[in-house]
């Protein structure tokens, strides 16, 4: 196993990220019905406001204006990288796995601080196959990071991933664990996948329900809690199909605001749990208390 190939491929997938001061805790737990839901910090990051990722069609000045109006620094866009742990008393379910050891991802350390080992994870659900969501599926020595888990990936994204030559070694490591599903399928008791394609061919969100309570992991439908909500119609370079990504984002945000649904957004400020609120002609993020 040429572990350096795995890590270099993941690094390329996340190369726009740079670290920023990490003052956030490693984890935060919420109760959703009878479920214990924990946001796990993998890494705090920032993108330079250079028009290469967000605001690709409008330029850095327009992005800076949006950031300034929200009271944020205008030369960078802060993005957290987080994962979600769900405990139902029988299973320990992890949604996404962060950057992995190639980019100093700290998910395993955060998991430990929350009182769990990788071996205790029974299921890993992947929203999509970008490096900052699947990089943590392998260890620093190129082995399965969650050896007792079933890894569930949407069939379109699994097919897409297998066609990436630079990810061939990672695919080889995780292939024995992988089970695919069609976007929109129920993946586990109480967990429904939702097609949110555009960001990747099989990008999905997960609606996690317990009784009358629910939390919706929206994956990468929205990256910045400021820019993506103020200007959902702006394209992001990471989207495989930009038009489809915009359409998915606009539809989802309108739905979330109308339903006042609790969400988890893995790139919003840690812990990334809260609500989408309509404000005039745009949206804002309201963190959960």
C-alpha atoms as a PDB file:
ATOM      1  CA  UNK A   1       0.000   0.000   0.000  1.00  0.00           C
ATOM      2  CA  UNK A   2       1.441   3.298  -1.082  1.00  0.00           C
ATOM      3  CA  UNK A   3      -0.016   5.426   1.648  1.00  0.00           C
ATOM      4  CA  UNK A   4       1.590   8.581   0.298  1.00  0.00           C
ATOM      5  CA  UNK A   5      -0.583   8.331  -2.791  1.00  0.00           C
ATOM      6  CA  UNK A   6      -3.713   8.214  -0.662  1.00  0.00           C
ATOM      7  CA  UNK A   7      -2.661  11.205   1.367  1.00  0.00           C
ATOM      8  CA  UNK A   8      -1.444  13.279  -1.576  1.00  0.00           C
ATOM      9  CA  UNK A   9      -4.755  12.684  -3.340  1.00  0.00           C
ATOM     10  CA  UNK A  10      -6.713  13.800  -0.297  1.00  0.00           C
ATOM     11  CA  UNK A  11      -4.417  16.791   0.137  1.00  0.00           C
ATOM     12  CA  UNK A  12      -5.047  17.868  -3.459  1.00  0.00           C
ATOM     13  CA  UNK A  13      -8.790  17.621  -2.838  1.00  0.00           C
ATOM     14  CA  UNK A  14      -8.446  19.978   0.148  1.00  0.00           C
ATOM     15  CA  UNK A  15      -5.605  22.190  -1.049  1.00  0.00           C
ATOM     16  CA  UNK A  16      -7.552  25.459  -0.784  1.00  0.00           C
ATOM     17  CA  UNK A  17      -7.822  25.126   2.982  1.00  0.00           C
ATOM     18  CA  UNK A  18      -5.451  26.853   5.366  1.00  0.00           C
ATOM     19  CA  UNK A  19      -5.526  26.650   9.142  1.00  0.00           C
ATOM     20  CA  UNK A  20      -6.782  29.449  11.347  1.00  0.00           C
ATOM     21  CA  UNK A  21      -6.741  29.833  15.102  1.00  0.00           C
ATOM     22  CA  UNK A  22      -8.482  26.927  16.779  1.00  0.00           C
ATOM     23  CA  UNK A  23     -10.309  28.095  19.890  1.00  0.00           C
ATOM     24  CA  UNK A  24     -13.242  25.717  19.512  1.00  0.00           C
ATOM     25  CA  UNK A  25     -13.897  22.722  21.755  1.00  0.00           C
ATOM     26  CA  UNK A  26     -13.377  19.251  20.315  1.00  0.00           C
ATOM     27  CA  UNK A  27     -17.006  18.188  20.532  1.00  0.00           C
ATOM     28  CA  UNK A  28     -20.477  19.302  21.521  1.00  0.00           C
ATOM     29  CA  UNK A  29     -23.434  17.025  22.244  1.00  0.00           C
ATOM     30  CA  UNK A  30     -27.120  17.688  21.591  1.00  0.00           C
ATOM     31  CA  UNK A  31     -30.195  15.625  22.413  1.00  0.00           C
ATOM     32  CA  UNK A  32     -32.472  14.916  19.443  1.00  0.00           C
ATOM     33  CA  UNK A  33     -35.413  12.915  20.727  1.00  0.00           C
ATOM     34  CA  UNK A  34     -33.847   9.817  22.267  1.00  0.00           C
ATOM     35  CA  UNK A  35     -30.679  10.204  20.215  1.00  0.00           C
ATOM     36  CA  UNK A  36     -27.377  11.560  21.473  1.00  0.00           C
ATOM     37  CA  UNK A  37     -25.981  13.622  18.606  1.00  0.00           C
ATOM     38  CA  UNK A  38     -22.425  14.943  18.835  1.00  0.00           C
ATOM     39  CA  UNK A  39     -20.679  17.402  16.556  1.00  0.00           C
ATOM     40  CA  UNK A  40     -16.990  16.503  16.275  1.00  0.00           C
ATOM     41  CA  UNK A  41     -14.396  19.078  15.275  1.00  0.00           C
ATOM     42  CA  UNK A  42     -11.929  17.904  12.655  1.00  0.00           C
ATOM     43  CA  UNK A  43     -10.260  21.203  11.803  1.00  0.00           C
ATOM     44  CA  UNK A  44     -10.835  24.936  11.664  1.00  0.00           C
ATOM     45  CA  UNK A  45      -9.882  26.329   8.276  1.00  0.00           C
ATOM     46  CA  UNK A  46     -10.098  29.400   6.142  1.00  0.00           C
ATOM     47  CA  UNK A  47     -10.227  29.979   2.418  1.00  0.00           C
ATOM     48  CA  UNK A  48      -8.575  33.090   1.017  1.00  0.00           C
ATOM     49  CA  UNK A  49     -11.081  35.444  -0.537  1.00  0.00           C
ATOM     50  CA  UNK A  50      -9.490  35.201  -3.971  1.00  0.00           C
ATOM     51  CA  UNK A  51     -12.495  34.313  -6.119  1.00  0.00           C
ATOM     52  CA  UNK A  52     -11.224  30.800  -6.781  1.00  0.00           C
ATOM     53  CA  UNK A  53     -13.796  28.916  -4.677  1.00  0.00           C
ATOM     54  CA  UNK A  54     -16.646  31.139  -3.492  1.00  0.00           C
ATOM     55  CA  UNK A  55     -17.811  33.977  -5.691  1.00  0.00           C
ATOM     56  CA  UNK A  56     -16.188  32.511  -8.791  1.00  0.00           C
ATOM     57  CA  UNK A  57     -18.566  34.426 -11.076  1.00  0.00           C
ATOM     58  CA  UNK A  58     -18.585  37.718  -9.179  1.00  0.00           C
ATOM     59  CA  UNK A  59     -15.060  38.207  -7.820  1.00  0.00           C
ATOM     60  CA  UNK A  60     -13.472  38.922  -4.412  1.00  0.00           C
ATOM     61  CA  UNK A  61     -14.855  42.468  -4.113  1.00  0.00           C
ATOM     62  CA  UNK A  62     -18.458  41.257  -4.171  1.00  0.00           C
ATOM     63  CA  UNK A  63     -17.631  38.529  -1.647  1.00  0.00           C
ATOM     64  CA  UNK A  64     -15.855  41.072   0.576  1.00  0.00           C
ATOM     65  CA  UNK A  65     -18.958  43.268   0.554  1.00  0.00           C
ATOM     66  CA  UNK A  66     -21.080  40.351   1.794  1.00  0.00           C
ATOM     67  CA  UNK A  67     -18.550  39.477   4.498  1.00  0.00           C
ATOM     68  CA  UNK A  68     -18.276  43.101   5.601  1.00  0.00           C
ATOM     69  CA  UNK A  69     -22.045  43.446   5.900  1.00  0.00           C
ATOM     70  CA  UNK A  70     -21.997  40.489   8.306  1.00  0.00           C
ATOM     71  CA  UNK A  71     -19.169  41.977  10.370  1.00  0.00           C
ATOM     72  CA  UNK A  72     -16.638  39.372   9.223  1.00  0.00           C
ATOM     73  CA  UNK A  73     -13.082  39.801   7.984  1.00  0.00           C
ATOM     74  CA  UNK A  74     -13.076  40.423   4.248  1.00  0.00           C
ATOM     75  CA  UNK A  75      -9.841  38.737   3.164  1.00  0.00           C
ATOM     76  CA  UNK A  76     -10.797  35.200   4.156  1.00  0.00           C
ATOM     77  CA  UNK A  77     -13.783  32.890   4.462  1.00  0.00           C
ATOM     78  CA  UNK A  78     -13.783  30.812   7.619  1.00  0.00           C
ATOM     79  CA  UNK A  79     -14.936  27.223   7.163  1.00  0.00           C
ATOM     80  CA  UNK A  80     -14.963  24.561   9.841  1.00  0.00           C
ATOM     81  CA  UNK A  81     -14.609  20.862   9.006  1.00  0.00           C
ATOM     82  CA  UNK A  82     -16.835  18.792  11.276  1.00  0.00           C
ATOM     83  CA  UNK A  83     -18.453  15.365  11.464  1.00  0.00           C
ATOM     84  CA  UNK A  84     -21.568  14.118  13.216  1.00  0.00           C
ATOM     85  CA  UNK A  85     -21.807  11.185  15.639  1.00  0.00           C
ATOM     86  CA  UNK A  86     -25.208   9.631  16.359  1.00  0.00           C
ATOM     87  CA  UNK A  87     -25.781   7.208  19.242  1.00  0.00           C
ATOM     88  CA  UNK A  88     -29.070   5.341  19.495  1.00  0.00           C
ATOM     89  CA  UNK A  89     -28.124   2.883  22.232  1.00  0.00           C
ATOM     90  CA  UNK A  90     -27.279   0.134  19.759  1.00  0.00           C
ATOM     91  CA  UNK A  91     -25.233   1.774  17.033  1.00  0.00           C
ATOM     92  CA  UNK A  92     -22.545   4.447  16.908  1.00  0.00           C
ATOM     93  CA  UNK A  93     -23.047   6.140  13.555  1.00  0.00           C
ATOM     94  CA  UNK A  94     -20.574   8.617  12.090  1.00  0.00           C
ATOM     95  CA  UNK A  95     -21.524  10.932   9.249  1.00  0.00           C
ATOM     96  CA  UNK A  96     -18.417  11.876   7.255  1.00  0.00           C
ATOM     97  CA  UNK A  97     -14.837  11.488   8.436  1.00  0.00           C
ATOM     98  CA  UNK A  98     -13.064  14.800   7.899  1.00  0.00           C
ATOM     99  CA  UNK A  99      -9.741  15.501   6.251  1.00  0.00           C
ATOM    100  CA  UNK A 100      -7.754  12.630   7.680  1.00  0.00           C
ATOM    101  CA  UNK A 101      -4.121  12.543   8.822  1.00  0.00           C
ATOM    102  CA  UNK A 102      -2.793  13.957   5.555  1.00  0.00           C
ATOM    103  CA  UNK A 103      -4.034  17.436   6.452  1.00  0.00           C
ATOM    104  CA  UNK A 104      -3.776  17.196  10.251  1.00  0.00           C
ATOM    105  CA  UNK A 105      -7.434  16.361  10.686  1.00  0.00           C
ATOM    106  CA  UNK A 106      -8.245  15.879  14.377  1.00  0.00           C
ATOM    107  CA  UNK A 107     -11.430  13.822  14.131  1.00  0.00           C
ATOM    108  CA  UNK A 108      -9.992  10.767  15.899  1.00  0.00           C
ATOM    109  CA  UNK A 109      -8.740  12.950  18.753  1.00  0.00           C
ATOM    110  CA  UNK A 110     -12.141  14.659  19.035  1.00  0.00           C
ATOM    111  CA  UNK A 111     -13.844  11.273  18.988  1.00  0.00           C
ATOM    112  CA  UNK A 112     -11.590  10.151  21.847  1.00  0.00           C
ATOM    113  CA  UNK A 113     -12.364  13.272  23.874  1.00  0.00           C
ATOM    114  CA  UNK A 114     -16.052  12.469  23.391  1.00  0.00           C
ATOM    115  CA  UNK A 115     -15.361   9.033  24.887  1.00  0.00           C
ATOM    116  CA  UNK A 116     -15.201   6.792  21.828  1.00  0.00           C
ATOM    117  CA  UNK A 117     -12.687   4.772  19.850  1.00  0.00           C
ATOM    118  CA  UNK A 118     -12.721   4.218  16.075  1.00  0.00           C
ATOM    119  CA  UNK A 119     -13.388   0.527  16.716  1.00  0.00           C
ATOM    120  CA  UNK A 120     -16.717   1.410  18.346  1.00  0.00           C
ATOM    121  CA  UNK A 121     -18.102   2.998  15.192  1.00  0.00           C
ATOM    122  CA  UNK A 122     -20.641   0.629  13.621  1.00  0.00           C
ATOM    123  CA  UNK A 123     -21.626   2.648  10.561  1.00  0.00           C
ATOM    124  CA  UNK A 124     -20.085   5.470   8.557  1.00  0.00           C
ATOM    125  CA  UNK A 125     -22.419   7.444   6.310  1.00  0.00           C
ATOM    126  CA  UNK A 126     -20.824   9.610   3.632  1.00  0.00           C
ATOM    127  CA  UNK A 127     -22.544  12.716   2.263  1.00  0.00           C
ATOM    128  CA  UNK A 128     -20.174  12.845  -0.706  1.00  0.00           C
ATOM    129  CA  UNK A 129     -16.704  11.749  -1.735  1.00  0.00           C
ATOM    130  CA  UNK A 130     -14.649  14.939  -1.513  1.00  0.00           C
ATOM    131  CA  UNK A 131     -11.391  14.649   0.422  1.00  0.00           C
ATOM    132  CA  UNK A 132     -12.530  16.638   3.442  1.00  0.00           C
ATOM    133  CA  UNK A 133     -15.332  14.117   3.996  1.00  0.00           C
ATOM    134  CA  UNK A 134     -13.670  10.791   3.164  1.00  0.00           C
ATOM    135  CA  UNK A 135     -10.011  11.512   3.975  1.00  0.00           C
ATOM    136  CA  UNK A 136     -10.504  10.194   7.495  1.00  0.00           C
ATOM    137  CA  UNK A 137     -11.562   6.745   6.262  1.00  0.00           C
ATOM    138  CA  UNK A 138      -7.886   5.723   6.239  1.00  0.00           C
ATOM    139  CA  UNK A 139      -5.234   5.891   8.947  1.00  0.00           C
ATOM    140  CA  UNK A 140      -1.764   7.395   8.735  1.00  0.00           C
ATOM    141  CA  UNK A 141      -0.396   3.970   7.811  1.00  0.00           C
ATOM    142  CA  UNK A 142      -2.980   3.372   5.101  1.00  0.00           C
ATOM    143  CA  UNK A 143      -5.391   1.084   6.962  1.00  0.00           C
ATOM    144  CA  UNK A 144      -9.119   1.241   7.562  1.00  0.00           C
ATOM    145  CA  UNK A 145      -9.706   3.925  10.192  1.00  0.00           C
ATOM    146  CA  UNK A 146     -13.014   2.402  11.343  1.00  0.00           C
ATOM    147  CA  UNK A 147     -12.364  -1.327  10.964  1.00  0.00           C
ATOM    148  CA  UNK A 148     -15.692  -2.542  12.366  1.00  0.00           C
ATOM    149  CA  UNK A 149     -17.899  -0.156  10.414  1.00  0.00           C
ATOM    150  CA  UNK A 150     -20.008  -0.519   7.313  1.00  0.00           C
ATOM    151  CA  UNK A 151     -19.274   2.475   5.066  1.00  0.00           C
ATOM    152  CA  UNK A 152     -22.341   3.644   3.168  1.00  0.00           C
ATOM    153  CA  UNK A 153     -21.849   5.791   0.072  1.00  0.00           C
ATOM    154  CA  UNK A 154     -24.404   6.729  -2.570  1.00  0.00           C
ATOM    155  CA  UNK A 155     -24.032   4.601  -5.702  1.00  0.00           C
ATOM    156  CA  UNK A 156     -23.410   7.593  -8.030  1.00  0.00           C
ATOM    157  CA  UNK A 157     -20.631   8.931  -5.811  1.00  0.00           C
ATOM    158  CA  UNK A 158     -19.028   5.518  -5.320  1.00  0.00           C
ATOM    159  CA  UNK A 159     -18.922   5.030  -9.077  1.00  0.00           C
ATOM    160  CA  UNK A 160     -17.479   8.524  -9.497  1.00  0.00           C
ATOM    161  CA  UNK A 161     -14.827   7.922  -6.832  1.00  0.00           C
ATOM    162  CA  UNK A 162     -13.710   4.669  -8.452  1.00  0.00           C
ATOM    163  CA  UNK A 163     -13.037   6.582 -11.652  1.00  0.00           C
ATOM    164  CA  UNK A 164     -10.500   8.892  -9.961  1.00  0.00           C
ATOM    165  CA  UNK A 165      -6.992   7.494 -10.560  1.00  0.00           C
ATOM    166  CA  UNK A 166      -5.483   9.533  -7.719  1.00  0.00           C
ATOM    167  CA  UNK A 167      -7.928   7.969  -5.238  1.00  0.00           C
ATOM    168  CA  UNK A 168      -7.316   4.366  -6.325  1.00  0.00           C
ATOM    169  CA  UNK A 169      -5.377   3.417  -3.187  1.00  0.00           C
ATOM    170  CA  UNK A 170      -8.025   4.839  -0.865  1.00  0.00           C
ATOM    171  CA  UNK A 171     -10.711   2.980  -2.816  1.00  0.00           C
ATOM    172  CA  UNK A 172      -8.755  -0.261  -2.449  1.00  0.00           C
ATOM    173  CA  UNK A 173      -8.535   0.157   1.334  1.00  0.00           C
ATOM    174  CA  UNK A 174     -12.208   0.913   1.939  1.00  0.00           C
ATOM    175  CA  UNK A 175     -13.803  -1.250  -0.771  1.00  0.00           C
ATOM    176  CA  UNK A 176     -14.424  -4.270   1.524  1.00  0.00           C
ATOM    177  CA  UNK A 177     -16.413  -2.012   3.861  1.00  0.00           C
ATOM    178  CA  UNK A 178     -18.510  -0.171   1.293  1.00  0.00           C
ATOM    179  CA  UNK A 179     -22.209  -0.676   0.718  1.00  0.00           C
ATOM    180  CA  UNK A 180     -23.979   1.595  -1.732  1.00  0.00           C
ATOM    181  CA  UNK A 181     -27.481   3.006  -1.772  1.00  0.00           C
ATOM    182  CA  UNK A 182     -29.622   5.086  -4.093  1.00  0.00           C
ATOM    183  CA  UNK A 183     -30.031   8.746  -3.078  1.00  0.00           C
ATOM    184  CA  UNK A 184     -33.394   8.979  -1.352  1.00  0.00           C
ATOM    185  CA  UNK A 185     -33.124   5.544   0.253  1.00  0.00           C
ATOM    186  CA  UNK A 186     -33.555   4.854   3.938  1.00  0.00           C
ATOM    187  CA  UNK A 187     -30.027   3.922   5.026  1.00  0.00           C
ATOM    188  CA  UNK A 188     -30.612   2.941   8.670  1.00  0.00           C
ATOM    189  CA  UNK A 189     -33.519   2.931  11.098  1.00  0.00           C
ATOM    190  CA  UNK A 190     -34.450   6.565  11.578  1.00  0.00           C
ATOM    191  CA  UNK A 191     -32.019   7.864   8.943  1.00  0.00           C
ATOM    192  CA  UNK A 192     -33.235   8.849   5.486  1.00  0.00           C
ATOM    193  CA  UNK A 193     -30.921   9.965   2.705  1.00  0.00           C
ATOM    194  CA  UNK A 194     -32.009  12.925   0.581  1.00  0.00           C
ATOM    195  CA  UNK A 195     -30.687  13.640  -2.905  1.00  0.00           C
ATOM    196  CA  UNK A 196     -28.920  17.020  -2.978  1.00  0.00           C
ATOM    197  CA  UNK A 197     -26.972  16.451  -6.171  1.00  0.00           C
ATOM    198  CA  UNK A 198     -24.942  19.077  -7.929  1.00  0.00           C
ATOM    199  CA  UNK A 199     -22.035  19.361  -5.544  1.00  0.00           C
ATOM    200  CA  UNK A 200     -21.154  15.813  -6.592  1.00  0.00           C
ATOM    201  CA  UNK A 201     -23.170  13.382  -8.742  1.00  0.00           C
ATOM    202  CA  UNK A 202     -24.500  11.560  -5.683  1.00  0.00           C
ATOM    203  CA  UNK A 203     -24.286  14.210  -2.983  1.00  0.00           C
ATOM    204  CA  UNK A 204     -26.838  13.503  -0.258  1.00  0.00           C
ATOM    205  CA  UNK A 205     -28.059  14.877   3.017  1.00  0.00           C
ATOM    206  CA  UNK A 206     -29.329  12.787   5.909  1.00  0.00           C
ATOM    207  CA  UNK A 207     -32.513  13.376   7.900  1.00  0.00           C
ATOM    208  CA  UNK A 208     -32.070  11.798  11.328  1.00  0.00           C
ATOM    209  CA  UNK A 209     -35.350  11.283  13.183  1.00  0.00           C
ATOM    210  CA  UNK A 210     -36.256  10.212  16.718  1.00  0.00           C
ATOM    211  CA  UNK A 211     -39.936  10.463  17.593  1.00  0.00           C
ATOM    212  CA  UNK A 212     -41.041  13.963  16.645  1.00  0.00           C
ATOM    213  CA  UNK A 213     -37.494  15.350  16.737  1.00  0.00           C
ATOM    214  CA  UNK A 214     -35.215  15.581  13.717  1.00  0.00           C
ATOM    215  CA  UNK A 215     -31.861  16.961  12.642  1.00  0.00           C
ATOM    216  CA  UNK A 216     -30.874  17.311   9.000  1.00  0.00           C
ATOM    217  CA  UNK A 217     -27.229  16.921   7.975  1.00  0.00           C
ATOM    218  CA  UNK A 218     -27.115  19.024   4.806  1.00  0.00           C
ATOM    219  CA  UNK A 219     -23.593  18.057   3.749  1.00  0.00           C
ATOM    220  CA  UNK A 220     -22.002  20.624   1.457  1.00  0.00           C
ATOM    221  CA  UNK A 221     -25.218  22.173   0.173  1.00  0.00           C
ATOM    222  CA  UNK A 222     -23.964  25.381   1.798  1.00  0.00           C
ATOM    223  CA  UNK A 223     -20.312  26.009   2.682  1.00  0.00           C
ATOM    224  CA  UNK A 224     -20.108  29.458   4.250  1.00  0.00           C
ATOM    225  CA  UNK A 225     -22.637  30.394   6.913  1.00  0.00           C
ATOM    226  CA  UNK A 226     -22.370  33.939   5.570  1.00  0.00           C
ATOM    227  CA  UNK A 227     -21.726  33.890   1.823  1.00  0.00           C
ATOM    228  CA  UNK A 228     -23.673  30.755   0.893  1.00  0.00           C
ATOM    229  CA  UNK A 229     -26.744  32.014   2.742  1.00  0.00           C
ATOM    230  CA  UNK A 230     -26.559  35.636   1.630  1.00  0.00           C
ATOM    231  CA  UNK A 231     -25.999  34.659  -1.992  1.00  0.00           C
ATOM    232  CA  UNK A 232     -27.202  31.077  -2.597  1.00  0.00           C
ATOM    233  CA  UNK A 233     -27.324  31.834  -6.305  1.00  0.00           C
ATOM    234  CA  UNK A 234     -23.541  32.277  -6.435  1.00  0.00           C
ATOM    235  CA  UNK A 235     -21.634  29.321  -7.828  1.00  0.00           C
ATOM    236  CA  UNK A 236     -18.889  27.525  -5.933  1.00  0.00           C
ATOM    237  CA  UNK A 237     -15.989  25.995  -7.816  1.00  0.00           C
ATOM    238  CA  UNK A 238     -16.215  22.739  -5.835  1.00  0.00           C
ATOM    239  CA  UNK A 239     -19.626  21.958  -7.366  1.00  0.00           C
ATOM    240  CA  UNK A 240     -19.391  19.267 -10.023  1.00  0.00           C
ATOM    241  CA  UNK A 241     -22.473  20.727 -11.737  1.00  0.00           C
ATOM    242  CA  UNK A 242     -22.733  24.386 -10.784  1.00  0.00           C
ATOM    243  CA  UNK A 243     -26.242  24.996 -12.099  1.00  0.00           C
ATOM    244  CA  UNK A 244     -27.548  21.896 -10.356  1.00  0.00           C
ATOM    245  CA  UNK A 245     -25.700  22.825  -7.173  1.00  0.00           C
ATOM    246  CA  UNK A 246     -27.275  26.283  -7.131  1.00  0.00           C
ATOM    247  CA  UNK A 247     -30.744  24.847  -7.754  1.00  0.00           C
ATOM    248  CA  UNK A 248     -30.335  22.308  -4.941  1.00  0.00           C
ATOM    249  CA  UNK A 249     -29.065  24.969  -2.531  1.00  0.00           C
ATOM    250  CA  UNK A 250     -31.832  27.471  -3.275  1.00  0.00           C
ATOM    251  CA  UNK A 251     -34.564  24.842  -2.943  1.00  0.00           C
ATOM    252  CA  UNK A 252     -33.100  23.414   0.264  1.00  0.00           C
ATOM    253  CA  UNK A 253     -32.601  26.759   2.012  1.00  0.00           C
ATOM    254  CA  UNK A 254     -36.156  27.841   1.236  1.00  0.00           C
ATOM    255  CA  UNK A 255     -37.455  24.545   2.629  1.00  0.00           C
ATOM    256  CA  UNK A 256     -35.313  24.696   5.774  1.00  0.00           C
ATOM    257  CA  UNK A 257     -36.329  28.275   6.531  1.00  0.00           C
ATOM    258  CA  UNK A 258     -40.021  27.526   5.979  1.00  0.00           C
ATOM    259  CA  UNK A 259     -39.935  24.412   8.176  1.00  0.00           C
ATOM    260  CA  UNK A 260     -37.612  25.876  10.843  1.00  0.00           C
ATOM    261  CA  UNK A 261     -35.742  22.586  10.750  1.00  0.00           C
ATOM    262  CA  UNK A 262     -32.726  21.888  12.935  1.00  0.00           C
ATOM    263  CA  UNK A 263     -29.676  21.314  10.747  1.00  0.00           C
ATOM    264  CA  UNK A 264     -26.064  20.274  10.926  1.00  0.00           C
ATOM    265  CA  UNK A 265     -23.810  21.963   8.372  1.00  0.00           C
ATOM    266  CA  UNK A 266     -20.259  20.535   8.505  1.00  0.00           C
ATOM    267  CA  UNK A 267     -18.542  23.709   7.276  1.00  0.00           C
ATOM    268  CA  UNK A 268     -20.476  26.244   9.350  1.00  0.00           C
ATOM    269  CA  UNK A 269     -18.843  27.581  12.543  1.00  0.00           C
ATOM    270  CA  UNK A 270     -18.410  24.740  15.034  1.00  0.00           C
ATOM    271  CA  UNK A 271     -20.570  22.988  16.133  1.00  0.00           C
ATOM    272  CA  UNK A 272     -22.541  23.754  12.963  1.00  0.00           C
ATOM    273  CA  UNK A 273     -25.943  23.029  14.515  1.00  0.00           C
ATOM    274  CA  UNK A 274     -28.784  25.511  14.173  1.00  0.00           C
ATOM    275  CA  UNK A 275     -31.449  26.927  11.905  1.00  0.00           C
ATOM    276  CA  UNK A 276     -31.723  28.678   8.546  1.00  0.00           C
ATOM    277  CA  UNK A 277     -33.699  31.897   8.949  1.00  0.00           C
ATOM    278  CA  UNK A 278     -35.095  34.018   6.118  1.00  0.00           C
ATOM    279  CA  UNK A 279     -34.096  37.672   6.357  1.00  0.00           C
ATOM    280  CA  UNK A 280     -35.355  39.898   3.578  1.00  0.00           C
ATOM    281  CA  UNK A 281     -34.086  38.568   0.271  1.00  0.00           C
ATOM    282  CA  UNK A 282     -31.524  36.190   1.810  1.00  0.00           C
ATOM    283  CA  UNK A 283     -30.891  33.848   4.726  1.00  0.00           C
ATOM    284  CA  UNK A 284     -28.859  33.861   7.930  1.00  0.00           C
ATOM    285  CA  UNK A 285     -27.696  31.090  10.239  1.00  0.00           C
ATOM    286  CA  UNK A 286     -29.051  30.971  13.778  1.00  0.00           C
ATOM    287  CA  UNK A 287     -26.931  28.669  15.974  1.00  0.00           C
ATOM    288  CA  UNK A 288     -28.806  26.320  18.283  1.00  0.00           C
ATOM    289  CA  UNK A 289     -28.541  27.092  21.990  1.00  0.00           C
END
